C-alpha atoms as a PDB file:
ATOM      1  CA  MET A   1      66.846-145.032 -73.259  1.00  0.00           C
ATOM      2  CA  LYS A   2      65.282-143.734 -70.028  1.00  0.00           C
ATOM      3  CA  HIS A   3      67.526-140.693 -70.217  1.00  0.00           C
ATOM      4  CA  ILE A   4      66.146-139.892 -73.644  1.00  0.00           C
ATOM      5  CA  PHE A   5      62.548-139.977 -72.346  1.00  0.00           C
ATOM      6  CA  ARG A   6      63.554-137.706 -69.468  1.00  0.00           C
ATOM      7  CA  LEU A   7      65.042-135.255 -71.930  1.00  0.00           C
ATOM      8  CA  LEU A   8      61.992-135.219 -74.209  1.00  0.00           C
ATOM      9  CA  PRO A   9      60.085-132.493 -72.273  1.00  0.00           C
ATOM     10  CA  ILE A  10      63.181-130.279 -72.309  1.00  0.00           C
ATOM     11  CA  LEU A  11      63.760-130.865 -76.025  1.00  0.00           C
ATOM     12  CA  LEU A  12      60.107-130.130 -76.731  1.00  0.00           C
ATOM     13  CA  LEU A  13      60.349-126.877 -74.765  1.00  0.00           C
ATOM     14  CA  ILE A  14      63.455-125.853 -76.736  1.00  0.00           C
ATOM     15  CA  VAL A  15      61.674-126.551 -80.037  1.00  0.00           C
ATOM     16  CA  LEU A  16      58.627-124.525 -78.948  1.00  0.00           C
ATOM     17  CA  LEU A  17      60.777-121.599 -77.837  1.00  0.00           C
ATOM     18  CA  ALA A  18      62.723-121.706 -81.094  1.00  0.00           C
ATOM     19  CA  GLY A  19      59.456-121.745 -83.004  1.00  0.00           C
ATOM     20  CA  CYS A  20      58.181-118.717 -81.087  1.00  0.00           C
ATOM     21  CA  SER A  21      61.456-116.951 -81.754  1.00  0.00           C
ATOM     22  CA  LEU A  22      61.193-117.660 -85.477  1.00  0.00           C
ATOM     23  CA  PHE A  23      57.569-116.505 -85.468  1.00  0.00           C
ATOM     24  CA  LYS A  24      58.591-113.212 -83.898  1.00  0.00           C
ATOM     25  CA  GLN A  25      61.381-112.796 -86.417  1.00  0.00           C
ATOM     26  CA  GLU A  26      58.958-113.413 -89.262  1.00  0.00           C
ATOM     27  CA  LYS A  27      56.832-110.440 -88.180  1.00  0.00           C
ATOM     28  CA  GLU A  28      57.819-107.457 -90.279  1.00  0.00           C
ATOM     29  CA  ILE A  29      59.378-104.722 -88.168  1.00  0.00           C
ATOM     30  CA  VAL A  30      58.540-101.185 -89.264  1.00  0.00           C
ATOM     31  CA  ALA A  31      60.611 -99.310 -86.675  1.00  0.00           C
ATOM     32  CA  GLN A  32      62.759-100.091 -83.645  1.00  0.00           C
ATOM     33  CA  VAL A  33      64.203 -98.203 -80.675  1.00  0.00           C
ATOM     34  CA  ASP A  34      66.693-100.419 -78.815  1.00  0.00           C
ATOM     35  CA  ASP A  35      64.657-103.497 -77.796  1.00  0.00           C
ATOM     36  CA  GLU A  36      61.249-101.917 -78.479  1.00  0.00           C
ATOM     37  CA  VAL A  37      59.778-102.671 -81.900  1.00  0.00           C
ATOM     38  CA  LEU A  38      56.805-101.545 -83.947  1.00  0.00           C
ATOM     39  CA  THR A  39      55.525-104.386 -86.115  1.00  0.00           C
ATOM     40  CA  LEU A  40      53.610-103.865 -89.327  1.00  0.00           C
ATOM     41  CA  GLU A  41      50.546-105.427 -87.684  1.00  0.00           C
ATOM     42  CA  GLU A  42      50.687-102.965 -84.763  1.00  0.00           C
ATOM     43  CA  PHE A  43      51.374-100.083 -87.136  1.00  0.00           C
ATOM     44  CA  LYS A  44      48.353-100.867 -89.330  1.00  0.00           C
ATOM     45  CA  SER A  45      46.086-101.115 -86.266  1.00  0.00           C
ATOM     46  CA  ASN A  46      46.320 -97.326 -85.873  1.00  0.00           C
ATOM     47  CA  PHE A  47      44.405 -96.786 -89.125  1.00  0.00           C
ATOM     48  CA  THR A  48      41.144 -97.877 -90.651  1.00  0.00           C
ATOM     49  CA  GLU A  49      41.343-100.053 -93.757  1.00  0.00           C
ATOM     50  CA  SER A  50      40.509 -97.133 -96.045  1.00  0.00           C
ATOM     51  CA  GLU A  51      42.979 -94.803 -94.286  1.00  0.00           C
ATOM     52  CA  TRP A  52      45.767 -97.361 -94.676  1.00  0.00           C
ATOM     53  CA  LYS A  53      44.925 -97.895 -98.337  1.00  0.00           C
ATOM     54  CA  ASN A  54      45.191 -94.152 -99.043  1.00  0.00           C
ATOM     55  CA  LEU A  55      48.480 -93.588 -97.190  1.00  0.00           C
ATOM     56  CA  SER A  56      51.483 -92.908 -99.412  1.00  0.00           C
ATOM     57  CA  GLN A  57      54.860 -94.501 -98.628  1.00  0.00           C
ATOM     58  CA  GLU A  58      56.123 -91.091 -97.507  1.00  0.00           C
ATOM     59  CA  GLN A  59      53.189 -90.699 -95.095  1.00  0.00           C
ATOM     60  CA  LYS A  60      53.790 -94.165 -93.649  1.00  0.00           C
ATOM     61  CA  LYS A  61      57.433 -93.271 -93.127  1.00  0.00           C
ATOM     62  CA  ALA A  62      56.459 -90.012 -91.410  1.00  0.00           C
ATOM     63  CA  TYR A  63      54.120 -91.833 -89.011  1.00  0.00           C
ATOM     64  CA  ALA A  64      56.809 -94.439 -88.252  1.00  0.00           C
ATOM     65  CA  GLU A  65      59.301 -91.674 -87.462  1.00  0.00           C
ATOM     66  CA  GLU A  66      56.698 -90.054 -85.216  1.00  0.00           C
ATOM     67  CA  TRP A  67      56.383 -93.387 -83.356  1.00  0.00           C
ATOM     68  CA  VAL A  68      60.157 -93.399 -82.806  1.00  0.00           C
ATOM     69  CA  ASN A  69      60.029 -89.849 -81.469  1.00  0.00           C
ATOM     70  CA  LEU A  70      57.148 -90.670 -79.138  1.00  0.00           C
ATOM     71  CA  VAL A  71      58.939 -93.745 -77.779  1.00  0.00           C
ATOM     72  CA  LEU A  72      62.004 -91.634 -76.995  1.00  0.00           C
ATOM     73  CA  LEU A  73      59.921 -88.892 -75.380  1.00  0.00           C
ATOM     74  CA  ALA A  74      57.874 -91.402 -73.355  1.00  0.00           C
ATOM     75  CA  ARG A  75      61.037 -93.071 -72.072  1.00  0.00           C
ATOM     76  CA  GLU A  76      62.441 -89.748 -70.977  1.00  0.00           C
ATOM     77  CA  ALA A  77      59.152 -88.867 -69.270  1.00  0.00           C
ATOM     78  CA  ASP A  78      59.247 -92.228 -67.487  1.00  0.00           C
ATOM     79  CA  LYS A  79      62.790 -91.534 -66.267  1.00  0.00           C
ATOM     80  CA  ALA A  80      61.560 -88.203 -64.911  1.00  0.00           C
ATOM     81  CA  GLY A  81      58.887 -90.018 -62.889  1.00  0.00           C
ATOM     82  CA  LEU A  82      55.992 -88.435 -64.765  1.00  0.00           C
ATOM     83  CA  LYS A  83      54.158 -91.758 -65.047  1.00  0.00           C
ATOM     84  CA  ASP A  84      53.589 -91.644 -61.264  1.00  0.00           C
ATOM     85  CA  ASP A  85      52.174 -88.120 -61.344  1.00  0.00           C
ATOM     86  CA  LYS A  86      48.492 -88.198 -60.296  1.00  0.00           C
ATOM     87  CA  LEU A  87      47.414 -85.744 -63.010  1.00  0.00           C
ATOM     88  CA  ILE A  88      49.193 -87.794 -65.700  1.00  0.00           C
ATOM     89  CA  LYS A  89      47.592 -91.006 -64.419  1.00  0.00           C
ATOM     90  CA  ASN A  90      44.138 -89.427 -64.698  1.00  0.00           C
ATOM     91  CA  ARG A  91      44.865 -88.285 -68.249  1.00  0.00           C
ATOM     92  CA  LEU A  92      46.116 -91.749 -69.208  1.00  0.00           C
ATOM     93  CA  LYS A  93      42.979 -93.328 -67.767  1.00  0.00           C
ATOM     94  CA  TYR A  94      40.788 -90.922 -69.757  1.00  0.00           C
ATOM     95  CA  ALA A  95      42.834 -91.558 -72.944  1.00  0.00           C
ATOM     96  CA  GLU A  96      42.505 -95.336 -72.468  1.00  0.00           C
ATOM     97  CA  ARG A  97      38.726 -95.078 -72.129  1.00  0.00           C
ATOM     98  CA  LYS A  98      38.540 -92.856 -75.199  1.00  0.00           C
ATOM     99  CA  VAL A  99      40.555 -95.343 -77.290  1.00  0.00           C
ATOM    100  CA  LEU A 100      38.390 -98.262 -76.107  1.00  0.00           C
ATOM    101  CA  GLY A 101      35.181 -96.324 -76.782  1.00  0.00           C
ATOM    102  CA  ASN A 102      36.300 -95.385 -80.295  1.00  0.00           C
ATOM    103  CA  ALA A 103      37.349 -99.007 -80.902  1.00  0.00           C
ATOM    104  CA  LEU A 104      33.870-100.217 -79.964  1.00  0.00           C
ATOM    105  CA  ILE A 105      32.257 -97.767 -82.393  1.00  0.00           C
ATOM    106  CA  SER A 106      34.739 -98.788 -85.119  1.00  0.00           C
ATOM    107  CA  VAL A 107      33.802-102.450 -84.620  1.00  0.00           C
ATOM    108  CA  ARG A 108      30.126-101.572 -85.091  1.00  0.00           C
ATOM    109  CA  LEU A 109      31.020 -99.628 -88.259  1.00  0.00           C
ATOM    110  CA  ALA A 110      33.498-102.172 -89.674  1.00  0.00           C
ATOM    111  CA  SER A 111      30.993-103.769 -92.029  1.00  0.00           C
ATOM    112  CA  GLU A 112      29.506-100.474 -93.207  1.00  0.00           C
ATOM    113  CA  LYS A 113      29.870 -99.898 -96.940  1.00  0.00           C
ATOM    114  CA  VAL A 114      28.722 -96.893 -98.964  1.00  0.00           C
ATOM    115  CA  SER A 115      27.220 -97.817-102.318  1.00  0.00           C
ATOM    116  CA  GLU A 116      27.545 -95.750-105.494  1.00  0.00           C
ATOM    117  CA  GLU A 117      23.790 -95.170-105.445  1.00  0.00           C
ATOM    118  CA  GLU A 118      23.930 -93.874-101.877  1.00  0.00           C
ATOM    119  CA  LEU A 119      26.799 -91.551-102.767  1.00  0.00           C
ATOM    120  CA  PHE A 120      24.899 -90.060-105.687  1.00  0.00           C
ATOM    121  CA  ASN A 121      21.637 -89.699-103.729  1.00  0.00           C
ATOM    122  CA  TYR A 122      23.486 -87.868-100.965  1.00  0.00           C
ATOM    123  CA  TYR A 123      25.153 -85.597-103.523  1.00  0.00           C
ATOM    124  CA  ARG A 124      21.808 -84.844-105.206  1.00  0.00           C
ATOM    125  CA  VAL A 125      20.124 -83.932-101.904  1.00  0.00           C
ATOM    126  CA  HIS A 126      23.055 -81.868-100.553  1.00  0.00           C
ATOM    127  CA  GLN A 127      24.399 -80.432-103.791  1.00  0.00           C
ATOM    128  CA  ALA A 128      23.910 -76.846-102.607  1.00  0.00           C
ATOM    129  CA  ASP A 129      26.021 -77.558 -99.518  1.00  0.00           C
ATOM    130  CA  PHE A 130      28.886 -78.825-101.638  1.00  0.00           C
ATOM    131  CA  GLY A 131      28.711 -75.696-103.760  1.00  0.00           C
ATOM    132  CA  ASN A 132      29.435 -73.666-100.637  1.00  0.00           C
ATOM    133  CA  ALA A 133      32.233 -76.050 -99.647  1.00  0.00           C
ATOM    134  CA  LEU A 134      34.258 -75.452-102.807  1.00  0.00           C
ATOM    135  CA  LYS A 135      36.483 -72.803-101.326  1.00  0.00           C
ATOM    136  CA  ASN A 136      39.870 -71.549-102.429  1.00  0.00           C
ATOM    137  CA  TYR A 137      42.721 -71.867 -99.940  1.00  0.00           C
ATOM    138  CA  ARG A 138      45.766 -69.805 -99.090  1.00  0.00           C
ATOM    139  CA  VAL A 139      48.471 -72.403 -98.648  1.00  0.00           C
ATOM    140  CA  GLN A 140      51.958 -72.689 -97.213  1.00  0.00           C
ATOM    141  CA  ARG A 141      54.276 -75.530 -98.072  1.00  0.00           C
ATOM    142  CA  ILE A 142      57.634 -77.078 -97.241  1.00  0.00           C
ATOM    143  CA  TYR A 143      59.322 -79.181 -99.932  1.00  0.00           C
ATOM    144  CA  LEU A 144      61.671 -81.962 -98.832  1.00  0.00           C
ATOM    145  CA  THR A 145      63.758 -84.150-101.120  1.00  0.00           C
ATOM    146  CA  ASP A 146      64.951 -86.048 -98.034  1.00  0.00           C
ATOM    147  CA  THR A 147      61.717 -87.769 -96.985  1.00  0.00           C
ATOM    148  CA  GLY A 148      63.428 -88.918 -93.797  1.00  0.00           C
ATOM    149  CA  LEU A 149      63.095 -85.347 -92.503  1.00  0.00           C
ATOM    150  CA  VAL A 150      59.285 -85.330 -92.689  1.00  0.00           C
ATOM    151  CA  GLY A 151      58.728 -86.674 -89.169  1.00  0.00           C
ATOM    152  CA  LYS A 152      61.231 -84.241 -87.626  1.00  0.00           C
ATOM    153  CA  VAL A 153      59.767 -81.218 -89.415  1.00  0.00           C
ATOM    154  CA  ARG A 154      56.213 -82.146 -88.434  1.00  0.00           C
ATOM    155  CA  MET A 155      57.294 -82.681 -84.836  1.00  0.00           C
ATOM    156  CA  ASP A 156      59.115 -79.320 -84.720  1.00  0.00           C
ATOM    157  CA  ILE A 157      55.981 -77.546 -85.969  1.00  0.00           C
ATOM    158  CA  GLN A 158      53.719 -79.435 -83.569  1.00  0.00           C
ATOM    159  CA  ASN A 159      56.064 -78.476 -80.744  1.00  0.00           C
ATOM    160  CA  GLY A 160      55.632 -74.772 -81.496  1.00  0.00           C
ATOM    161  CA  MET A 161      57.973 -73.878 -84.336  1.00  0.00           C
ATOM    162  CA  LYS A 162      56.265 -71.463 -86.757  1.00  0.00           C
ATOM    163  CA  PHE A 163      55.562 -72.982 -90.158  1.00  0.00           C
ATOM    164  CA  GLU A 164      57.259 -70.099 -91.970  1.00  0.00           C
ATOM    165  CA  ASP A 165      60.400 -70.563 -89.831  1.00  0.00           C
ATOM    166  CA  ALA A 166      60.390 -74.311 -90.530  1.00  0.00           C
ATOM    167  CA  ALA A 167      60.071 -73.519 -94.247  1.00  0.00           C
ATOM    168  CA  LYS A 168      63.118 -71.239 -94.112  1.00  0.00           C
ATOM    169  CA  VAL A 169      65.167 -73.857 -92.250  1.00  0.00           C
ATOM    170  CA  TYR A 170      64.116 -77.068 -93.994  1.00  0.00           C
ATOM    171  CA  SER A 171      62.426 -76.385 -97.337  1.00  0.00           C
ATOM    172  CA  GLN A 172      64.553 -77.401-100.318  1.00  0.00           C
ATOM    173  CA  GLU A 173      63.032 -74.993-102.822  1.00  0.00           C
ATOM    174  CA  GLN A 174      63.329 -71.227-103.273  1.00  0.00           C
ATOM    175  CA  LEU A 175      59.784 -70.685-102.008  1.00  0.00           C
ATOM    176  CA  GLY A 176      60.939 -71.753 -98.550  1.00  0.00           C
ATOM    177  CA  GLN A 177      62.989 -68.591 -98.108  1.00  0.00           C
ATOM    178  CA  THR A 178      59.782 -66.528 -98.092  1.00  0.00           C
ATOM    179  CA  GLY A 179      58.065 -68.775 -95.539  1.00  0.00           C
ATOM    180  CA  GLY A 180      56.616 -71.290 -98.004  1.00  0.00           C
ATOM    181  CA  TYR A 181      53.712 -69.037 -98.964  1.00  0.00           C
ATOM    182  CA  MET A 182      52.419 -70.199-102.354  1.00  0.00           C
ATOM    183  CA  GLY A 183      49.315 -68.037-102.629  1.00  0.00           C
ATOM    184  CA  VAL A 184      45.792 -69.201-103.476  1.00  0.00           C
ATOM    185  CA  VAL A 185      45.027 -72.712-104.756  1.00  0.00           C
ATOM    186  CA  THR A 186      41.733 -73.571-106.468  1.00  0.00           C
ATOM    187  CA  PRO A 187      39.931 -76.852-107.266  1.00  0.00           C
ATOM    188  CA  ASP A 188      40.232 -76.336-111.020  1.00  0.00           C
ATOM    189  CA  GLY A 189      43.625 -74.618-111.164  1.00  0.00           C
ATOM    190  CA  ALA A 190      47.157 -75.829-111.879  1.00  0.00           C
ATOM    191  CA  ASP A 191      47.594 -76.823-108.216  1.00  0.00           C
ATOM    192  CA  SER A 192      44.327 -78.778-107.973  1.00  0.00           C
ATOM    193  CA  THR A 193      46.132 -81.767-106.398  1.00  0.00           C
ATOM    194  CA  ILE A 194      47.231 -79.502-103.556  1.00  0.00           C
ATOM    195  CA  TRP A 195      43.655 -78.224-103.239  1.00  0.00           C
ATOM    196  CA  GLN A 196      42.469 -81.841-102.980  1.00  0.00           C
ATOM    197  CA  ALA A 197      45.086 -82.502-100.291  1.00  0.00           C
ATOM    198  CA  VAL A 198      44.068 -79.587 -98.030  1.00  0.00           C
ATOM    199  CA  HIS A 199      40.331 -79.137 -98.554  1.00  0.00           C
ATOM    200  CA  ASN A 200      39.342 -81.653 -95.848  1.00  0.00           C
ATOM    201  CA  LEU A 201      41.739 -80.156 -93.302  1.00  0.00           C
ATOM    202  CA  GLN A 202      41.121 -77.753 -90.465  1.00  0.00           C
ATOM    203  CA  PRO A 203      42.994 -74.421 -90.686  1.00  0.00           C
ATOM    204  CA  ASN A 204      46.709 -74.927 -89.866  1.00  0.00           C
ATOM    205  CA  GLU A 205      46.361 -78.730 -89.795  1.00  0.00           C
ATOM    206  CA  LEU A 206      49.279 -80.456 -91.546  1.00  0.00           C
ATOM    207  CA  THR A 207      49.221 -82.979 -94.359  1.00  0.00           C
ATOM    208  CA  THR A 208      51.735 -84.379 -96.847  1.00  0.00           C
ATOM    209  CA  LEU A 209      51.718 -84.888-100.603  1.00  0.00           C
ATOM    210  CA  PRO A 210      54.309 -86.652-102.803  1.00  0.00           C
ATOM    211  CA  ARG A 211      55.800 -84.293-105.372  1.00  0.00           C
ATOM    212  CA  GLY A 212      58.624 -84.789-107.883  1.00  0.00           C
ATOM    213  CA  GLY A 213      60.599 -87.443-106.013  1.00  0.00           C
ATOM    214  CA  GLY A 214      60.188 -85.594-102.718  1.00  0.00           C
ATOM    215  CA  ILE A 215      57.321 -84.670-100.458  1.00  0.00           C
ATOM    216  CA  LEU A 216      55.382 -81.520 -99.606  1.00  0.00           C
ATOM    217  CA  ILE A 217      54.254 -80.661 -96.089  1.00  0.00           C
ATOM    218  CA  LEU A 218      51.136 -78.545 -96.531  1.00  0.00           C
ATOM    219  CA  LYS A 219      48.691 -76.463 -94.554  1.00  0.00           C
ATOM    220  CA  TYR A 220      46.184 -73.769 -95.367  1.00  0.00           C
ATOM    221  CA  TYR A 221      45.929 -70.713 -93.146  1.00  0.00           C
ATOM    222  CA  ALA A 222      42.925 -68.971 -94.753  1.00  0.00           C
ATOM    223  CA  ALA A 223      39.947 -69.897 -96.937  1.00  0.00           C
ATOM    224  CA  GLU A 224      37.836 -67.781 -99.250  1.00  0.00           C
ATOM    225  CA  GLU A 225      34.791 -68.323-101.432  1.00  0.00           C
ATOM    226  CA  GLY A 226      35.647 -69.867-104.788  1.00  0.00           C
ATOM    227  CA  THR A 227      33.934 -70.568-108.073  1.00  0.00           C
ATOM    228  CA  GLY A 228      35.601 -73.835-109.075  1.00  0.00           C
ATOM    229  CA  GLU A 229      33.524 -76.974-109.488  1.00  0.00           C
ATOM    230  CA  THR A 230      34.703 -80.558-109.106  1.00  0.00           C
ATOM    231  CA  GLY A 231      31.360 -82.268-109.715  1.00  0.00           C
ATOM    232  CA  PHE A 232      30.164 -85.592-108.321  1.00  0.00           C
ATOM    233  CA  GLU A 233      33.272 -87.615-109.260  1.00  0.00           C
ATOM    234  CA  GLY A 234      35.621 -85.173-107.590  1.00  0.00           C
ATOM    235  CA  LEU A 235      33.526 -85.104-104.414  1.00  0.00           C
ATOM    236  CA  LYS A 236      33.147 -88.846-103.833  1.00  0.00           C
ATOM    237  CA  ASP A 237      35.752 -88.980-101.058  1.00  0.00           C
ATOM    238  CA  GLU A 238      34.176 -86.012 -99.282  1.00  0.00           C
ATOM    239  CA  ILE A 239      30.666 -87.498 -99.598  1.00  0.00           C
ATOM    240  CA  THR A 240      31.877 -90.859 -98.266  1.00  0.00           C
ATOM    241  CA  ARG A 241      33.505 -89.118 -95.318  1.00  0.00           C
ATOM    242  CA  ARG A 242      30.302 -87.237 -94.513  1.00  0.00           C
ATOM    243  CA  ILE A 243      28.092 -90.327 -94.757  1.00  0.00           C
ATOM    244  CA  LEU A 244      30.381 -92.381 -92.526  1.00  0.00           C
ATOM    245  CA  GLU A 245      30.628 -89.514 -90.036  1.00  0.00           C
ATOM    246  CA  GLU A 246      26.815 -89.346 -89.858  1.00  0.00           C
ATOM    247  CA  ARG A 247      26.676 -93.108 -89.336  1.00  0.00           C
ATOM    248  CA  ARG A 248      29.348 -92.853 -86.650  1.00  0.00           C
ATOM    249  CA  ARG A 249      27.315 -90.236 -84.753  1.00  0.00           C
ATOM    250  CA  GLN A 250      24.202 -92.417 -85.068  1.00  0.00           C
ATOM    251  CA  VAL A 251      26.052 -95.492 -83.755  1.00  0.00           C
ATOM    252  CA  TYR A 252      27.425 -93.399 -80.875  1.00  0.00           C
ATOM    253  CA  ASP A 253      23.984 -92.028 -79.957  1.00  0.00           C
ATOM    254  CA  ASP A 254      22.381 -95.485 -80.144  1.00  0.00           C
ATOM    255  CA  LEU A 255      25.122 -97.052 -78.030  1.00  0.00           C
ATOM    256  CA  ILE A 256      24.963 -94.366 -75.345  1.00  0.00           C
ATOM    257  CA  ARG A 257      21.161 -94.625 -75.189  1.00  0.00           C
ATOM    258  CA  GLU A 258      21.385 -98.419 -74.897  1.00  0.00           C
ATOM    259  CA  LEU A 259      24.142 -98.410 -72.265  1.00  0.00           C
ATOM    260  CA  LYS A 260      22.600 -95.672 -70.131  1.00  0.00           C
ATOM    261  CA  SER A 261      19.359 -97.635 -69.937  1.00  0.00           C
ATOM    262  CA  GLY A 262      21.235-100.446 -68.170  1.00  0.00           C
ATOM    263  CA  ALA A 263      23.339 -98.354 -65.784  1.00  0.00           C
ATOM    264  CA  ASP A 264      22.818 -96.004 -62.830  1.00  0.00           C
ATOM    265  CA  VAL A 265      24.107 -92.683 -64.138  1.00  0.00           C
ATOM    266  CA  TYR A 266      24.003 -89.293 -62.443  1.00  0.00           C
ATOM    267  CA  LEU A 267      25.951 -86.030 -62.639  1.00  0.00           C
ATOM    268  CA  THR A 268      26.859 -83.703 -59.813  1.00  0.00           C
ATOM    269  CA  ILE A 269      27.741 -80.661 -61.929  1.00  0.00           C
END
């Protein structure tokens, strides 16, 4: 009987460890490289609630593939001793502070909601600005039926491959052989969904759009004045983005003012 009591702590430890192991297994794994895993919880933490809600399955897959690529690259950089480089350490420290600072602002903004009335009032006051924003875009695209290639193609372009070359190599439509140039898209034309996908981008910034069982990688390389009108309903996402961006700047300014008042700050340059 005494032996059983002596074994109880060990048995309890085994049960706890087994429970932890089961808990880990229950976490949904999105991607894995050897023993390093990306859980769904960790994956979702890289996006705001609204960003996650608007991501297509193809976009989620592309981001997961990008995580895999970054893990592999980071491991190779670690093997090369780059983590001990003084310049890299300084950059990592700056990046960590930037992530923490943005997280603090996001926490302050987490409960911010934009009402329908606020959206319409903003639209009414800034309607002339939105008229100027309705541009037409000259777009290039790459069409992939194999969505598993999205991450690789994006990475190749981000690493310096010209978009037109990537289109010739990867695009699975005839348009790819001429560099993926599809001409001008307008807000009220046949390709209005493509216009919606690119109109919030910066020139040459990439985005993706599901199309016919595959996925398009898109960018615009030039903008010109247009005459199309989307009206209030078509501009709700853009208005929401602008309002939240204004709030974000206000939260940032208020925080900096508050924090500087309680710290000794000086610049030497």
